[in-house]
Amino acid sequence: MKVSILTPKALYEGQAKAIIMPDSEVNLEVLDRHAPLISALSKGTIQLTDEKGEKHKFSIKNGFAEVLKNEVSILVRVL
């Protein structure tokens, strides 16, 4: 799935196998071909596994995520 994590600049743009994001109640895990979703994100860490299996972590203050047609767009404020 294609992933974009944006602040005023791009933190990450590329392909990913899995993303774990901090929702207001639980951590959301998004995998390939996930159902459409829009969610507000809370303070925490976005954990992303890229196609090579490498882990990436981004600490965020808050934000929003949209999953649609195997594309994930995340707009966040970073800590």
PDB file of N, CA and C in Angstrom:
ATOM      1  N   MET A   1       0.840  -1.173   0.000  1.00  0.00           N
ATOM      2  CA  MET A   1       0.000   0.000   0.000  1.00  0.00           C
ATOM      3  C   MET A   1       0.883   1.233   0.000  1.00  0.00           C
ATOM      4  N   LYS A   2       0.406   2.274  -0.607  1.00  0.00           N
ATOM      5  CA  LYS A   2       1.148   3.533  -0.662  1.00  0.00           C
ATOM      6  C   LYS A   2       0.854   4.327   0.605  1.00  0.00           C
ATOM      7  N   VAL A   3       1.892   4.926   1.201  1.00  0.00           N
ATOM      8  CA  VAL A   3       1.732   5.682   2.442  1.00  0.00           C
ATOM      9  C   VAL A   3       2.380   7.052   2.315  1.00  0.00           C
ATOM     10  N   SER A   4       1.680   8.074   2.814  1.00  0.00           N
ATOM     11  CA  SER A   4       2.237   9.433   2.930  1.00  0.00           C
ATOM     12  C   SER A   4       1.974   9.918   4.345  1.00  0.00           C
ATOM     13  N   ILE A   5       3.043  10.299   5.046  1.00  0.00           N
ATOM     14  CA  ILE A   5       2.914  10.911   6.360  1.00  0.00           C
ATOM     15  C   ILE A   5       3.408  12.342   6.211  1.00  0.00           C
ATOM     16  N   LEU A   6       2.522  13.302   6.462  1.00  0.00           N
ATOM     17  CA  LEU A   6       2.820  14.695   6.176  1.00  0.00           C
ATOM     18  C   LEU A   6       2.681  15.584   7.396  1.00  0.00           C
ATOM     19  N   THR A   7       3.563  16.560   7.503  1.00  0.00           N
ATOM     20  CA  THR A   7       3.466  17.699   8.398  1.00  0.00           C
ATOM     21  C   THR A   7       3.616  18.859   7.429  1.00  0.00           C
ATOM     22  N   PRO A   8       4.137  19.979   7.812  1.00  0.00           N
ATOM     23  CA  PRO A   8       4.443  20.953   6.770  1.00  0.00           C
ATOM     24  C   PRO A   8       5.431  20.403   5.730  1.00  0.00           C
ATOM     25  N   LYS A   9       6.156  19.330   6.079  1.00  0.00           N
ATOM     26  CA  LYS A   9       7.023  18.644   5.113  1.00  0.00           C
ATOM     27  C   LYS A   9       6.715  17.149   5.189  1.00  0.00           C
ATOM     28  N   ALA A  10       7.140  16.397   4.208  1.00  0.00           N
ATOM     29  CA  ALA A  10       6.889  14.948   4.201  1.00  0.00           C
ATOM     30  C   ALA A  10       7.844  14.244   5.160  1.00  0.00           C
ATOM     31  N   LEU A  11       7.307  13.437   6.069  1.00  0.00           N
ATOM     32  CA  LEU A  11       8.125  12.625   6.973  1.00  0.00           C
ATOM     33  C   LEU A  11       8.436  11.278   6.326  1.00  0.00           C
ATOM     34  N   TYR A  12       7.470  10.766   5.558  1.00  0.00           N
ATOM     35  CA  TYR A  12       7.654   9.476   4.893  1.00  0.00           C
ATOM     36  C   TYR A  12       6.730   9.418   3.689  1.00  0.00           C
ATOM     37  N   GLU A  13       7.266   8.961   2.575  1.00  0.00           N
ATOM     38  CA  GLU A  13       6.461   8.676   1.392  1.00  0.00           C
ATOM     39  C   GLU A  13       7.025   7.423   0.762  1.00  0.00           C
ATOM     40  N   GLY A  14       6.192   6.405   0.617  1.00  0.00           N
ATOM     41  CA  GLY A  14       6.640   5.163   0.027  1.00  0.00           C
ATOM     42  C   GLY A  14       5.670   4.039   0.303  1.00  0.00           C
ATOM     43  N   GLN A  15       6.112   2.832   0.060  1.00  0.00           N
ATOM     44  CA  GLN A  15       5.292   1.641   0.250  1.00  0.00           C
ATOM     45  C   GLN A  15       5.477   1.091   1.664  1.00  0.00           C
ATOM     46  N   ALA A  16       4.442   0.418   2.162  1.00  0.00           N
ATOM     47  CA  ALA A  16       4.520  -0.173   3.501  1.00  0.00           C
ATOM     48  C   ALA A  16       3.735  -1.471   3.544  1.00  0.00           C
ATOM     49  N   LYS A  17       4.159  -2.359   4.440  1.00  0.00           N
ATOM     50  CA  LYS A  17       3.429  -3.604   4.691  1.00  0.00           C
ATOM     51  C   LYS A  17       2.403  -3.412   5.793  1.00  0.00           C
ATOM     52  N   ALA A  18       2.747  -2.606   6.808  1.00  0.00           N
ATOM     53  CA  ALA A  18       1.870  -2.416   7.964  1.00  0.00           C
ATOM     54  C   ALA A  18       2.149  -1.075   8.619  1.00  0.00           C
ATOM     55  N   ILE A  19       1.079  -0.514   9.220  1.00  0.00           N
ATOM     56  CA  ILE A  19       1.195   0.734   9.972  1.00  0.00           C
ATOM     57  C   ILE A  19       0.384   0.568  11.253  1.00  0.00           C
ATOM     58  N   ILE A  20       0.942   0.990  12.364  1.00  0.00           N
ATOM     59  CA  ILE A  20       0.214   1.044  13.625  1.00  0.00           C
ATOM     60  C   ILE A  20       0.163   2.511  14.037  1.00  0.00           C
ATOM     61  N   MET A  21      -1.073   3.008  14.273  1.00  0.00           N
ATOM     62  CA  MET A  21      -1.277   4.417  14.577  1.00  0.00           C
ATOM     63  C   MET A  21      -2.048   4.568  15.884  1.00  0.00           C
ATOM     64  N   PRO A  22      -1.731   5.610  16.684  1.00  0.00           N
ATOM     65  CA  PRO A  22      -2.439   5.827  17.952  1.00  0.00           C
ATOM     66  C   PRO A  22      -3.780   6.529  17.757  1.00  0.00           C
ATOM     67  N   ASP A  23      -4.855   5.786  17.870  1.00  0.00           N
ATOM     68  CA  ASP A  23      -6.208   6.328  17.844  1.00  0.00           C
ATOM     69  C   ASP A  23      -6.504   6.859  19.246  1.00  0.00           C
ATOM     70  N   SER A  24      -7.610   7.540  19.435  1.00  0.00           N
ATOM     71  CA  SER A  24      -7.944   8.067  20.762  1.00  0.00           C
ATOM     72  C   SER A  24      -8.243   6.966  21.776  1.00  0.00           C
ATOM     73  N   GLU A  25      -8.633   5.779  21.332  1.00  0.00           N
ATOM     74  CA  GLU A  25      -8.969   4.698  22.252  1.00  0.00           C
ATOM     75  C   GLU A  25      -8.017   3.509  22.182  1.00  0.00           C
ATOM     76  N   VAL A  26      -7.566   3.140  20.997  1.00  0.00           N
ATOM     77  CA  VAL A  26      -6.708   1.968  20.795  1.00  0.00           C
ATOM     78  C   VAL A  26      -5.670   2.283  19.731  1.00  0.00           C
ATOM     79  N   ASN A  27      -4.747   1.368  19.524  1.00  0.00           N
ATOM     80  CA  ASN A  27      -3.831   1.484  18.395  1.00  0.00           C
ATOM     81  C   ASN A  27      -4.478   0.806  17.189  1.00  0.00           C
ATOM     82  N   LEU A  28      -4.529   1.514  16.070  1.00  0.00           N
ATOM     83  CA  LEU A  28      -5.082   0.967  14.839  1.00  0.00           C
ATOM     84  C   LEU A  28      -3.967   0.327  14.028  1.00  0.00           C
ATOM     85  N   GLU A  29      -4.189  -0.879  13.543  1.00  0.00           N
ATOM     86  CA  GLU A  29      -3.226  -1.508  12.644  1.00  0.00           C
ATOM     87  C   GLU A  29      -3.841  -1.569  11.257  1.00  0.00           C
ATOM     88  N   VAL A  30      -3.117  -1.043  10.282  1.00  0.00           N
ATOM     89  CA  VAL A  30      -3.576  -1.029   8.899  1.00  0.00           C
ATOM     90  C   VAL A  30      -2.634  -1.905   8.082  1.00  0.00           C
ATOM     91  N   LEU A  31      -3.222  -2.868   7.399  1.00  0.00           N
ATOM     92  CA  LEU A  31      -2.466  -3.770   6.529  1.00  0.00           C
ATOM     93  C   LEU A  31      -2.905  -3.547   5.088  1.00  0.00           C
ATOM     94  N   ASP A  32      -2.237  -4.205   4.157  1.00  0.00           N
ATOM     95  CA  ASP A  32      -2.555  -4.102   2.735  1.00  0.00           C
ATOM     96  C   ASP A  32      -4.034  -4.402   2.497  1.00  0.00           C
ATOM     97  N   ARG A  33      -4.669  -3.596   1.658  1.00  0.00           N
ATOM     98  CA  ARG A  33      -6.078  -3.744   1.273  1.00  0.00           C
ATOM     99  C   ARG A  33      -7.058  -3.572   2.436  1.00  0.00           C
ATOM    100  N   HIS A  34      -6.702  -2.721   3.362  1.00  0.00           N
ATOM    101  CA  HIS A  34      -7.571  -2.421   4.508  1.00  0.00           C
ATOM    102  C   HIS A  34      -8.848  -1.730   4.018  1.00  0.00           C
ATOM    103  N   ALA A  35      -9.933  -1.911   4.731  1.00  0.00           N
ATOM    104  CA  ALA A  35     -11.197  -1.239   4.420  1.00  0.00           C
ATOM    105  C   ALA A  35     -11.028   0.283   4.573  1.00  0.00           C
ATOM    106  N   PRO A  36     -11.842   1.066   3.867  1.00  0.00           N
ATOM    107  CA  PRO A  36     -11.778   2.521   4.009  1.00  0.00           C
ATOM    108  C   PRO A  36     -11.965   2.946   5.463  1.00  0.00           C
ATOM    109  N   LEU A  37     -11.233   3.998   5.840  1.00  0.00           N
ATOM    110  CA  LEU A  37     -11.219   4.425   7.238  1.00  0.00           C
ATOM    111  C   LEU A  37     -10.785   5.881   7.316  1.00  0.00           C
ATOM    112  N   ILE A  38     -11.419   6.627   8.205  1.00  0.00           N
ATOM    113  CA  ILE A  38     -10.955   7.965   8.578  1.00  0.00           C
ATOM    114  C   ILE A  38     -10.905   7.981  10.095  1.00  0.00           C
ATOM    115  N   SER A  39      -9.784   8.457  10.666  1.00  0.00           N
ATOM    116  CA  SER A  39      -9.644   8.432  12.115  1.00  0.00           C
ATOM    117  C   SER A  39      -8.835   9.621  12.604  1.00  0.00           C
ATOM    118  N   ALA A  40      -9.234  10.142  13.768  1.00  0.00           N
ATOM    119  CA  ALA A  40      -8.427  11.144  14.457  1.00  0.00           C
ATOM    120  C   ALA A  40      -7.341  10.396  15.227  1.00  0.00           C
ATOM    121  N   LEU A  41      -6.134  10.937  15.211  1.00  0.00           N
ATOM    122  CA  LEU A  41      -5.015  10.314  15.905  1.00  0.00           C
ATOM    123  C   LEU A  41      -4.675  11.120  17.157  1.00  0.00           C
ATOM    124  N   SER A  42      -4.224  10.428  18.177  1.00  0.00           N
ATOM    125  CA  SER A  42      -3.854  11.086  19.419  1.00  0.00           C
ATOM    126  C   SER A  42      -2.342  11.006  19.617  1.00  0.00           C
ATOM    127  N   LYS A  43      -1.867  11.606  20.701  1.00  0.00           N
ATOM    128  CA  LYS A  43      -0.438  11.615  21.013  1.00  0.00           C
ATOM    129  C   LYS A  43       0.074  10.184  21.124  1.00  0.00           C
ATOM    130  N   GLY A  44       1.209   9.925  20.494  1.00  0.00           N
ATOM    131  CA  GLY A  44       1.797   8.593  20.527  1.00  0.00           C
ATOM    132  C   GLY A  44       2.810   8.407  19.419  1.00  0.00           C
ATOM    133  N   THR A  45       2.969   7.166  18.993  1.00  0.00           N
ATOM    134  CA  THR A  45       3.967   6.826  17.984  1.00  0.00           C
ATOM    135  C   THR A  45       3.338   6.081  16.824  1.00  0.00           C
ATOM    136  N   ILE A  46       3.620   6.540  15.608  1.00  0.00           N
ATOM    137  CA  ILE A  46       3.242   5.791  14.415  1.00  0.00           C
ATOM    138  C   ILE A  46       4.389   4.827  14.135  1.00  0.00           C
ATOM    139  N   GLN A  47       4.056   3.554  14.002  1.00  0.00           N
ATOM    140  CA  GLN A  47       5.052   2.527  13.692  1.00  0.00           C
ATOM    141  C   GLN A  47       4.748   1.988  12.302  1.00  0.00           C
ATOM    142  N   LEU A  48       5.731   2.047  11.428  1.00  0.00           N
ATOM    143  CA  LEU A  48       5.542   1.650  10.046  1.00  0.00           C
ATOM    144  C   LEU A  48       6.573   0.586   9.683  1.00  0.00           C
ATOM    145  N   THR A  49       6.143  -0.458   9.004  1.00  0.00           N
ATOM    146  CA  THR A  49       7.052  -1.477   8.478  1.00  0.00           C
ATOM    147  C   THR A  49       7.046  -1.345   6.968  1.00  0.00           C
ATOM    148  N   ASP A  50       8.207  -1.020   6.391  1.00  0.00           N
ATOM    149  CA  ASP A  50       8.267  -0.843   4.937  1.00  0.00           C
ATOM    150  C   ASP A  50       8.361  -2.192   4.225  1.00  0.00           C
ATOM    151  N   GLU A  51       8.396  -2.162   2.900  1.00  0.00           N
ATOM    152  CA  GLU A  51       8.403  -3.394   2.102  1.00  0.00           C
ATOM    153  C   GLU A  51       9.629  -4.268   2.343  1.00  0.00           C
ATOM    154  N   LYS A  52      10.732  -3.682   2.807  1.00  0.00           N
ATOM    155  CA  LYS A  52      11.954  -4.443   3.086  1.00  0.00           C
ATOM    156  C   LYS A  52      11.942  -5.025   4.488  1.00  0.00           C
ATOM    157  N   GLY A  53      10.904  -4.711   5.268  1.00  0.00           N
ATOM    158  CA  GLY A  53      10.816  -5.194   6.639  1.00  0.00           C
ATOM    159  C   GLY A  53      11.455  -4.269   7.660  1.00  0.00           C
ATOM    160  N   GLU A  54      11.960  -3.122   7.215  1.00  0.00           N
ATOM    161  CA  GLU A  54      12.573  -2.158   8.124  1.00  0.00           C
ATOM    162  C   GLU A  54      11.493  -1.388   8.877  1.00  0.00           C
ATOM    163  N   LYS A  55      11.739  -1.120  10.155  1.00  0.00           N
ATOM    164  CA  LYS A  55      10.789  -0.409  11.021  1.00  0.00           C
ATOM    165  C   LYS A  55      11.124   1.081  11.050  1.00  0.00           C
ATOM    166  N   HIS A  56      10.099   1.898  11.029  1.00  0.00           N
ATOM    167  CA  HIS A  56      10.225   3.354  11.140  1.00  0.00           C
ATOM    168  C   HIS A  56       9.256   3.808  12.220  1.00  0.00           C
ATOM    169  N   LYS A  57       9.682   4.771  13.050  1.00  0.00           N
ATOM    170  CA  LYS A  57       8.827   5.294  14.113  1.00  0.00           C
ATOM    171  C   LYS A  57       8.789   6.812  14.038  1.00  0.00           C
ATOM    172  N   PHE A  58       7.577   7.370  14.253  1.00  0.00           N
ATOM    173  CA  PHE A  58       7.373   8.806  14.226  1.00  0.00           C
ATOM    174  C   PHE A  58       6.541   9.195  15.436  1.00  0.00           C
ATOM    175  N   SER A  59       7.082  10.040  16.321  1.00  0.00           N
ATOM    176  CA  SER A  59       6.340  10.521  17.488  1.00  0.00           C
ATOM    177  C   SER A  59       5.457  11.679  17.051  1.00  0.00           C
ATOM    178  N   ILE A  60       4.168  11.597  17.393  1.00  0.00           N
ATOM    179  CA  ILE A  60       3.228  12.641  16.972  1.00  0.00           C
ATOM    180  C   ILE A  60       2.480  13.225  18.167  1.00  0.00           C
ATOM    181  N   LYS A  61       1.996  14.437  17.962  1.00  0.00           N
ATOM    182  CA  LYS A  61       1.177  15.120  18.966  1.00  0.00           C
ATOM    183  C   LYS A  61      -0.300  14.795  18.738  1.00  0.00           C
ATOM    184  N   ASN A  62      -0.736  14.887  17.483  1.00  0.00           N
ATOM    185  CA  ASN A  62      -2.091  14.528  17.068  1.00  0.00           C
ATOM    186  C   ASN A  62      -2.166  14.585  15.547  1.00  0.00           C
ATOM    187  N   GLY A  63      -3.325  14.246  15.004  1.00  0.00           N
ATOM    188  CA  GLY A  63      -3.479  14.298  13.562  1.00  0.00           C
ATOM    189  C   GLY A  63      -4.684  13.516  13.072  1.00  0.00           C
ATOM    190  N   PHE A  64      -4.687  13.233  11.774  1.00  0.00           N
ATOM    191  CA  PHE A  64      -5.762  12.504  11.119  1.00  0.00           C
ATOM    192  C   PHE A  64      -5.172  11.509  10.130  1.00  0.00           C
ATOM    193  N   ALA A  65      -5.896  10.395   9.924  1.00  0.00           N
ATOM    194  CA  ALA A  65      -5.473   9.397   8.953  1.00  0.00           C
ATOM    195  C   ALA A  65      -6.665   9.021   8.077  1.00  0.00           C
ATOM    196  N   GLU A  66      -6.391   8.805   6.794  1.00  0.00           N
ATOM    197  CA  GLU A  66      -7.402   8.325   5.859  1.00  0.00           C
ATOM    198  C   GLU A  66      -6.841   7.120   5.127  1.00  0.00           C
ATOM    199  N   VAL A  67      -7.632   6.046   5.065  1.00  0.00           N
ATOM    200  CA  VAL A  67      -7.277   4.857   4.296  1.00  0.00           C
ATOM    201  C   VAL A  67      -8.330   4.727   3.207  1.00  0.00           C
ATOM    202  N   LEU A  68      -7.897   4.720   1.944  1.00  0.00           N
ATOM    203  CA  LEU A  68      -8.831   4.639   0.826  1.00  0.00           C
ATOM    204  C   LEU A  68      -8.121   4.065  -0.385  1.00  0.00           C
ATOM    205  N   LYS A  69      -8.675   3.031  -0.971  1.00  0.00           N
ATOM    206  CA  LYS A  69      -8.149   2.402  -2.186  1.00  0.00           C
ATOM    207  C   LYS A  69      -6.673   2.035  -2.052  1.00  0.00           C
ATOM    208  N   ASN A  70      -6.344   1.409  -0.935  1.00  0.00           N
ATOM    209  CA  ASN A  70      -4.988   0.936  -0.652  1.00  0.00           C
ATOM    210  C   ASN A  70      -3.957   2.060  -0.576  1.00  0.00           C
ATOM    211  N   GLU A  71      -4.410   3.257  -0.226  1.00  0.00           N
ATOM    212  CA  GLU A  71      -3.524   4.391   0.019  1.00  0.00           C
ATOM    213  C   GLU A  71      -3.826   4.946   1.398  1.00  0.00           C
ATOM    214  N   VAL A  72      -2.777   5.259   2.143  1.00  0.00           N
ATOM    215  CA  VAL A  72      -2.920   5.808   3.484  1.00  0.00           C
ATOM    216  C   VAL A  72      -2.326   7.214   3.501  1.00  0.00           C
ATOM    217  N   SER A  73      -3.147   8.186   3.861  1.00  0.00           N
ATOM    218  CA  SER A  73      -2.680   9.574   3.992  1.00  0.00           C
ATOM    219  C   SER A  73      -2.785   9.957   5.458  1.00  0.00           C
ATOM    220  N   ILE A  74      -1.679  10.429   6.017  1.00  0.00           N
ATOM    221  CA  ILE A  74      -1.637  10.784   7.427  1.00  0.00           C
ATOM    222  C   ILE A  74      -1.125  12.210   7.548  1.00  0.00           C
ATOM    223  N   LEU A  75      -1.904  13.061   8.194  1.00  0.00           N
ATOM    224  CA  LEU A  75      -1.521  14.453   8.419  1.00  0.00           C
ATOM    225  C   LEU A  75      -1.365  14.620   9.917  1.00  0.00           C
ATOM    226  N   VAL A  76      -0.157  14.991  10.377  1.00  0.00           N
ATOM    227  CA  VAL A  76       0.122  15.019  11.809  1.00  0.00           C
ATOM    228  C   VAL A  76       0.868  16.276  12.227  1.00  0.00           C
ATOM    229  N   ARG A  77       0.803  16.535  13.545  1.00  0.00           N
ATOM    230  CA  ARG A  77       1.690  17.501  14.198  1.00  0.00           C
ATOM    231  C   ARG A  77       2.683  16.671  14.990  1.00  0.00           C
ATOM    232  N   VAL A  78       3.951  16.931  14.795  1.00  0.00           N
ATOM    233  CA  VAL A  78       4.977  16.153  15.465  1.00  0.00           C
ATOM    234  C   VAL A  78       5.358  16.775  16.795  1.00  0.00           C
ATOM    235  N   LEU A  79       5.931  15.959  17.671  1.00  0.00           N
ATOM    236  CA  LEU A  79       6.381  16.436  18.974  1.00  0.00           C
ATOM    237  C   LEU A  79       7.663  17.219  18.834  1.00  0.00           C
TER     238      LEU A  79
END
